[in-house]
Amino acid sequence: MKQAVLSQFDLPWIPVTGLILFVTCFAAYTYWTYKKENKSTYDAASLIPLEEPSLASSSKGGN
């Protein structure tokens, strides 16, 4: 059945367009991630798991 469907598929531009869109977005996201201006953002985000929780966020139970 798959072979019959693919033999009738006459829109080859759809997968090519999807591939081009994927590669373009991947390259843009990779470039944006490794820009030097974003280093401080990622350095700050990398320290979040090591920070002590604040008292305001840890007292959600309420007495």
PDB file of N, CA and C in Angstrom:
ATOM      1  N   MET A   1       0.823  -1.186   0.000  1.00  0.00           N
ATOM      2  CA  MET A   1       0.000   0.000   0.000  1.00  0.00           C
ATOM      3  C   MET A   1       0.866   1.248   0.000  1.00  0.00           C
ATOM      4  N   LYS A   2       1.930   1.238   0.792  1.00  0.00           N
ATOM      5  CA  LYS A   2       2.826   2.397   0.837  1.00  0.00           C
ATOM      6  C   LYS A   2       3.434   2.663  -0.534  1.00  0.00           C
ATOM      7  N   GLN A   3       3.776   1.605  -1.228  1.00  0.00           N
ATOM      8  CA  GLN A   3       4.373   1.746  -2.555  1.00  0.00           C
ATOM      9  C   GLN A   3       3.383   2.379  -3.532  1.00  0.00           C
ATOM     10  N   ALA A   4       2.125   2.008  -3.442  1.00  0.00           N
ATOM     11  CA  ALA A   4       1.102   2.565  -4.336  1.00  0.00           C
ATOM     12  C   ALA A   4       0.907   4.056  -4.063  1.00  0.00           C
ATOM     13  N   VAL A   5       0.910   4.421  -2.789  1.00  0.00           N
ATOM     14  CA  VAL A   5       0.733   5.831  -2.439  1.00  0.00           C
ATOM     15  C   VAL A   5       1.926   6.650  -2.906  1.00  0.00           C
ATOM     16  N   LEU A   6       3.135   6.155  -2.654  1.00  0.00           N
ATOM     17  CA  LEU A   6       4.323   6.903  -3.048  1.00  0.00           C
ATOM     18  C   LEU A   6       4.501   6.977  -4.566  1.00  0.00           C
ATOM     19  N   SER A   7       4.005   5.991  -5.295  1.00  0.00           N
ATOM     20  CA  SER A   7       4.117   6.045  -6.758  1.00  0.00           C
ATOM     21  C   SER A   7       3.208   7.116  -7.349  1.00  0.00           C
ATOM     22  N   GLN A   8       2.155   7.502  -6.617  1.00  0.00           N
ATOM     23  CA  GLN A   8       1.234   8.536  -7.088  1.00  0.00           C
ATOM     24  C   GLN A   8       1.574   9.925  -6.528  1.00  0.00           C
ATOM     25  N   PHE A   9       2.595  10.011  -5.713  1.00  0.00           N
ATOM     26  CA  PHE A   9       2.980  11.281  -5.087  1.00  0.00           C
ATOM     27  C   PHE A   9       3.712  12.134  -6.112  1.00  0.00           C
ATOM     28  N   ASP A  10       3.093  13.223  -6.540  1.00  0.00           N
ATOM     29  CA  ASP A  10       3.690  14.062  -7.580  1.00  0.00           C
ATOM     30  C   ASP A  10       3.996  15.478  -7.096  1.00  0.00           C
ATOM     31  N   LEU A  11       4.275  15.618  -5.809  1.00  0.00           N
ATOM     32  CA  LEU A  11       4.607  16.927  -5.236  1.00  0.00           C
ATOM     33  C   LEU A  11       5.978  16.863  -4.568  1.00  0.00           C
ATOM     34  N   PRO A  12       7.048  16.750  -5.348  1.00  0.00           N
ATOM     35  CA  PRO A  12       8.374  16.610  -4.734  1.00  0.00           C
ATOM     36  C   PRO A  12       8.867  17.883  -4.052  1.00  0.00           C
ATOM     37  N   TRP A  13       8.226  18.999  -4.276  1.00  0.00           N
ATOM     38  CA  TRP A  13       8.671  20.238  -3.659  1.00  0.00           C
ATOM     39  C   TRP A  13       8.331  20.309  -2.175  1.00  0.00           C
ATOM     40  N   ILE A  14       7.378  19.522  -1.729  1.00  0.00           N
ATOM     41  CA  ILE A  14       6.989  19.574  -0.311  1.00  0.00           C
ATOM     42  C   ILE A  14       8.112  19.065   0.598  1.00  0.00           C
ATOM     43  N   PRO A  15       8.687  17.870   0.373  1.00  0.00           N
ATOM     44  CA  PRO A  15       9.779  17.447   1.252  1.00  0.00           C
ATOM     45  C   PRO A  15      11.026  18.321   1.115  1.00  0.00           C
ATOM     46  N   VAL A  16      11.277  18.831  -0.081  1.00  0.00           N
ATOM     47  CA  VAL A  16      12.444  19.700  -0.285  1.00  0.00           C
ATOM     48  C   VAL A  16      12.259  21.004   0.493  1.00  0.00           C
ATOM     49  N   THR A  17      11.057  21.552   0.457  1.00  0.00           N
ATOM     50  CA  THR A  17      10.768  22.772   1.208  1.00  0.00           C
ATOM     51  C   THR A  17      10.896  22.529   2.708  1.00  0.00           C
ATOM     52  N   GLY A  18      10.408  21.392   3.174  1.00  0.00           N
ATOM     53  CA  GLY A  18      10.537  21.055   4.588  1.00  0.00           C
ATOM     54  C   GLY A  18      11.992  20.913   5.011  1.00  0.00           C
ATOM     55  N   LEU A  19      12.795  20.287   4.160  1.00  0.00           N
ATOM     56  CA  LEU A  19      14.214  20.122   4.459  1.00  0.00           C
ATOM     57  C   LEU A  19      14.924  21.474   4.515  1.00  0.00           C
ATOM     58  N   ILE A  20      14.639  22.334   3.566  1.00  0.00           N
ATOM     59  CA  ILE A  20      15.263  23.662   3.537  1.00  0.00           C
ATOM     60  C   ILE A  20      14.850  24.465   4.769  1.00  0.00           C
ATOM     61  N   LEU A  21      13.578  24.391   5.138  1.00  0.00           N
ATOM     62  CA  LEU A  21      13.101  25.097   6.327  1.00  0.00           C
ATOM     63  C   LEU A  21      13.770  24.564   7.584  1.00  0.00           C
ATOM     64  N   PHE A  22      13.897  23.248   7.699  1.00  0.00           N
ATOM     65  CA  PHE A  22      14.544  22.652   8.868  1.00  0.00           C
ATOM     66  C   PHE A  22      16.001  23.072   8.960  1.00  0.00           C
ATOM     67  N   VAL A  23      16.738  22.988   7.869  1.00  0.00           N
ATOM     68  CA  VAL A  23      18.167  23.327   7.885  1.00  0.00           C
ATOM     69  C   VAL A  23      18.359  24.808   8.203  1.00  0.00           C
ATOM     70  N   THR A  24      17.504  25.661   7.658  1.00  0.00           N
ATOM     71  CA  THR A  24      17.593  27.093   7.936  1.00  0.00           C
ATOM     72  C   THR A  24      17.348  27.390   9.413  1.00  0.00           C
ATOM     73  N   CYS A  25      16.306  26.798   9.978  1.00  0.00           N
ATOM     74  CA  CYS A  25      16.019  27.022  11.404  1.00  0.00           C
ATOM     75  C   CYS A  25      17.125  26.446  12.281  1.00  0.00           C
ATOM     76  N   PHE A  26      17.621  25.268  11.939  1.00  0.00           N
ATOM     77  CA  PHE A  26      18.684  24.662  12.726  1.00  0.00           C
ATOM     78  C   PHE A  26      19.933  25.534  12.711  1.00  0.00           C
ATOM     79  N   ALA A  27      20.296  26.044  11.535  1.00  0.00           N
ATOM     80  CA  ALA A  27      21.478  26.905  11.439  1.00  0.00           C
ATOM     81  C   ALA A  27      21.276  28.204  12.217  1.00  0.00           C
ATOM     82  N   ALA A  28      20.082  28.780  12.146  1.00  0.00           N
ATOM     83  CA  ALA A  28      19.804  30.031  12.868  1.00  0.00           C
ATOM     84  C   ALA A  28      19.856  29.810  14.375  1.00  0.00           C
ATOM     85  N   TYR A  29      19.253  28.727  14.858  1.00  0.00           N
ATOM     86  CA  TYR A  29      19.274  28.449  16.296  1.00  0.00           C
ATOM     87  C   TYR A  29      20.689  28.140  16.777  1.00  0.00           C
ATOM     88  N   THR A  30      21.447  27.428  15.979  1.00  0.00           N
ATOM     89  CA  THR A  30      22.825  27.116  16.357  1.00  0.00           C
ATOM     90  C   THR A  30      23.660  28.389  16.417  1.00  0.00           C
ATOM     91  N   TYR A  31      23.515  29.248  15.415  1.00  0.00           N
ATOM     92  CA  TYR A  31      24.243  30.518  15.405  1.00  0.00           C
ATOM     93  C   TYR A  31      23.862  31.363  16.623  1.00  0.00           C
ATOM     94  N   TRP A  32      22.550  31.455  16.912  1.00  0.00           N
ATOM     95  CA  TRP A  32      22.092  32.277  18.022  1.00  0.00           C
ATOM     96  C   TRP A  32      22.608  31.734  19.351  1.00  0.00           C
ATOM     97  N   THR A  33      22.679  30.421  19.481  1.00  0.00           N
ATOM     98  CA  THR A  33      23.141  29.809  20.726  1.00  0.00           C
ATOM     99  C   THR A  33      24.610  30.095  20.977  1.00  0.00           C
ATOM    100  N   TYR A  34      25.425  30.051  19.940  1.00  0.00           N
ATOM    101  CA  TYR A  34      26.862  30.189  20.119  1.00  0.00           C
ATOM    102  C   TYR A  34      27.389  31.612  19.918  1.00  0.00           C
ATOM    103  N   LYS A  35      26.497  32.597  19.784  1.00  0.00           N
ATOM    104  CA  LYS A  35      26.957  33.981  19.690  1.00  0.00           C
ATOM    105  C   LYS A  35      27.624  34.382  20.993  1.00  0.00           C
ATOM    106  N   LYS A  36      28.649  35.212  20.913  1.00  0.00           N
ATOM    107  CA  LYS A  36      29.369  35.635  22.114  1.00  0.00           C
ATOM    108  C   LYS A  36      28.507  36.510  23.012  1.00  0.00           C
ATOM    109  N   GLU A  37      27.553  37.239  22.445  1.00  0.00           N
ATOM    110  CA  GLU A  37      26.693  38.095  23.261  1.00  0.00           C
ATOM    111  C   GLU A  37      25.806  37.289  24.202  1.00  0.00           C
ATOM    112  N   ASN A  38      25.544  36.021  23.887  1.00  0.00           N
ATOM    113  CA  ASN A  38      24.661  35.199  24.711  1.00  0.00           C
ATOM    114  C   ASN A  38      25.402  34.422  25.790  1.00  0.00           C
ATOM    115  N   LYS A  39      26.704  34.552  25.861  1.00  0.00           N
ATOM    116  CA  LYS A  39      27.485  33.791  26.837  1.00  0.00           C
ATOM    117  C   LYS A  39      27.062  34.111  28.262  1.00  0.00           C
ATOM    118  N   SER A  40      26.824  35.370  28.559  1.00  0.00           N
ATOM    119  CA  SER A  40      26.435  35.732  29.925  1.00  0.00           C
ATOM    120  C   SER A  40      25.069  35.137  30.286  1.00  0.00           C
ATOM    121  N   THR A  41      24.176  35.057  29.332  1.00  0.00           N
ATOM    122  CA  THR A  41      22.864  34.468  29.584  1.00  0.00           C
ATOM    123  C   THR A  41      22.994  33.001  29.946  1.00  0.00           C
ATOM    124  N   TYR A  42      23.789  32.269  29.187  1.00  0.00           N
ATOM    125  CA  TYR A  42      23.950  30.844  29.446  1.00  0.00           C
ATOM    126  C   TYR A  42      24.777  30.595  30.708  1.00  0.00           C
ATOM    127  N   ASP A  43      25.720  31.471  31.011  1.00  0.00           N
ATOM    128  CA  ASP A  43      26.481  31.326  32.258  1.00  0.00           C
ATOM    129  C   ASP A  43      25.557  31.502  33.463  1.00  0.00           C
ATOM    130  N   ALA A  44      24.680  32.483  33.394  1.00  0.00           N
ATOM    131  CA  ALA A  44      23.734  32.703  34.493  1.00  0.00           C
ATOM    132  C   ALA A  44      22.750  31.536  34.606  1.00  0.00           C
ATOM    133  N   ALA A  45      22.281  31.029  33.490  1.00  0.00           N
ATOM    134  CA  ALA A  45      21.336  29.907  33.509  1.00  0.00           C
ATOM    135  C   ALA A  45      21.994  28.631  34.016  1.00  0.00           C
ATOM    136  N   SER A  46      23.280  28.470  33.784  1.00  0.00           N
ATOM    137  CA  SER A  46      23.956  27.255  34.235  1.00  0.00           C
ATOM    138  C   SER A  46      24.112  27.215  35.753  1.00  0.00           C
ATOM    139  N   LEU A  47      23.996  28.361  36.417  1.00  0.00           N
ATOM    140  CA  LEU A  47      24.130  28.416  37.870  1.00  0.00           C
ATOM    141  C   LEU A  47      22.797  28.266  38.611  1.00  0.00           C
ATOM    142  N   ILE A  48      21.699  28.238  37.898  1.00  0.00           N
ATOM    143  CA  ILE A  48      20.379  28.160  38.532  1.00  0.00           C
ATOM    144  C   ILE A  48      20.232  26.908  39.411  1.00  0.00           C
ATOM    145  N   PRO A  49      20.652  25.723  38.964  1.00  0.00           N
ATOM    146  CA  PRO A  49      20.484  24.547  39.829  1.00  0.00           C
ATOM    147  C   PRO A  49      21.316  24.615  41.109  1.00  0.00           C
ATOM    148  N   LEU A  50      22.339  25.442  41.144  1.00  0.00           N
ATOM    149  CA  LEU A  50      23.206  25.525  42.309  1.00  0.00           C
ATOM    150  C   LEU A  50      22.753  26.571  43.324  1.00  0.00           C
ATOM    151  N   GLU A  51      21.787  27.391  42.971  1.00  0.00           N
ATOM    152  CA  GLU A  51      21.328  28.448  43.866  1.00  0.00           C
ATOM    153  C   GLU A  51      20.447  27.869  44.966  1.00  0.00           C
ATOM    154  N   GLU A  52      20.515  28.499  46.138  1.00  0.00           N
ATOM    155  CA  GLU A  52      19.641  28.116  47.248  1.00  0.00           C
ATOM    156  C   GLU A  52      18.248  28.655  46.969  1.00  0.00           C
ATOM    157  N   PRO A  53      17.220  27.901  47.306  1.00  0.00           N
ATOM    158  CA  PRO A  53      15.850  28.420  47.085  1.00  0.00           C
ATOM    159  C   PRO A  53      15.578  29.579  48.030  1.00  0.00           C
ATOM    160  N   SER A  54      14.828  30.544  47.550  1.00  0.00           N
ATOM    161  CA  SER A  54      14.489  31.698  48.394  1.00  0.00           C
ATOM    162  C   SER A  54      13.396  31.307  49.394  1.00  0.00           C
ATOM    163  N   LEU A  55      13.283  32.051  50.466  1.00  0.00           N
ATOM    164  CA  LEU A  55      12.308  31.741  51.505  1.00  0.00           C
ATOM    165  C   LEU A  55      10.888  31.928  51.000  1.00  0.00           C
ATOM    166  N   ALA A  56      10.674  32.886  50.108  1.00  0.00           N
ATOM    167  CA  ALA A  56       9.334  33.160  49.596  1.00  0.00           C
ATOM    168  C   ALA A  56       8.809  31.972  48.783  1.00  0.00           C
ATOM    169  N   SER A  57       9.665  31.362  47.998  1.00  0.00           N
ATOM    170  CA  SER A  57       9.200  30.260  47.159  1.00  0.00           C
ATOM    171  C   SER A  57       9.134  28.946  47.916  1.00  0.00           C
ATOM    172  N   SER A  58       9.843  28.815  49.040  1.00  0.00           N
ATOM    173  CA  SER A  58       9.835  27.557  49.772  1.00  0.00           C
ATOM    174  C   SER A  58       8.716  27.484  50.803  1.00  0.00           C
ATOM    175  N   SER A  59       8.062  28.602  51.110  1.00  0.00           N
ATOM    176  CA  SER A  59       6.998  28.589  52.115  1.00  0.00           C
ATOM    177  C   SER A  59       5.622  28.654  51.447  1.00  0.00           C
ATOM    178  N   LYS A  60       5.384  27.812  50.489  1.00  0.00           N
ATOM    179  CA  LYS A  60       4.108  27.797  49.793  1.00  0.00           C
ATOM    180  C   LYS A  60       3.030  27.056  50.569  1.00  0.00           C
ATOM    181  N   GLY A  61       3.408  26.257  51.540  1.00  0.00           N
ATOM    182  CA  GLY A  61       2.444  25.473  52.297  1.00  0.00           C
ATOM    183  C   GLY A  61       1.485  26.334  53.116  1.00  0.00           C
ATOM    184  N   GLY A  62       1.976  27.380  53.691  1.00  0.00           N
ATOM    185  CA  GLY A  62       1.144  28.294  54.483  1.00  0.00           C
ATOM    186  C   GLY A  62       0.729  27.686  55.807  1.00  0.00           C
ATOM    187  N   ASN A  63       0.847  28.455  56.874  1.00  0.00           N
ATOM    188  CA  ASN A  63       0.468  27.971  58.207  1.00  0.00           C
ATOM    189  C   ASN A  63      -0.697  28.726  58.721  1.00  0.00           C
TER     190      ASN A  63
END
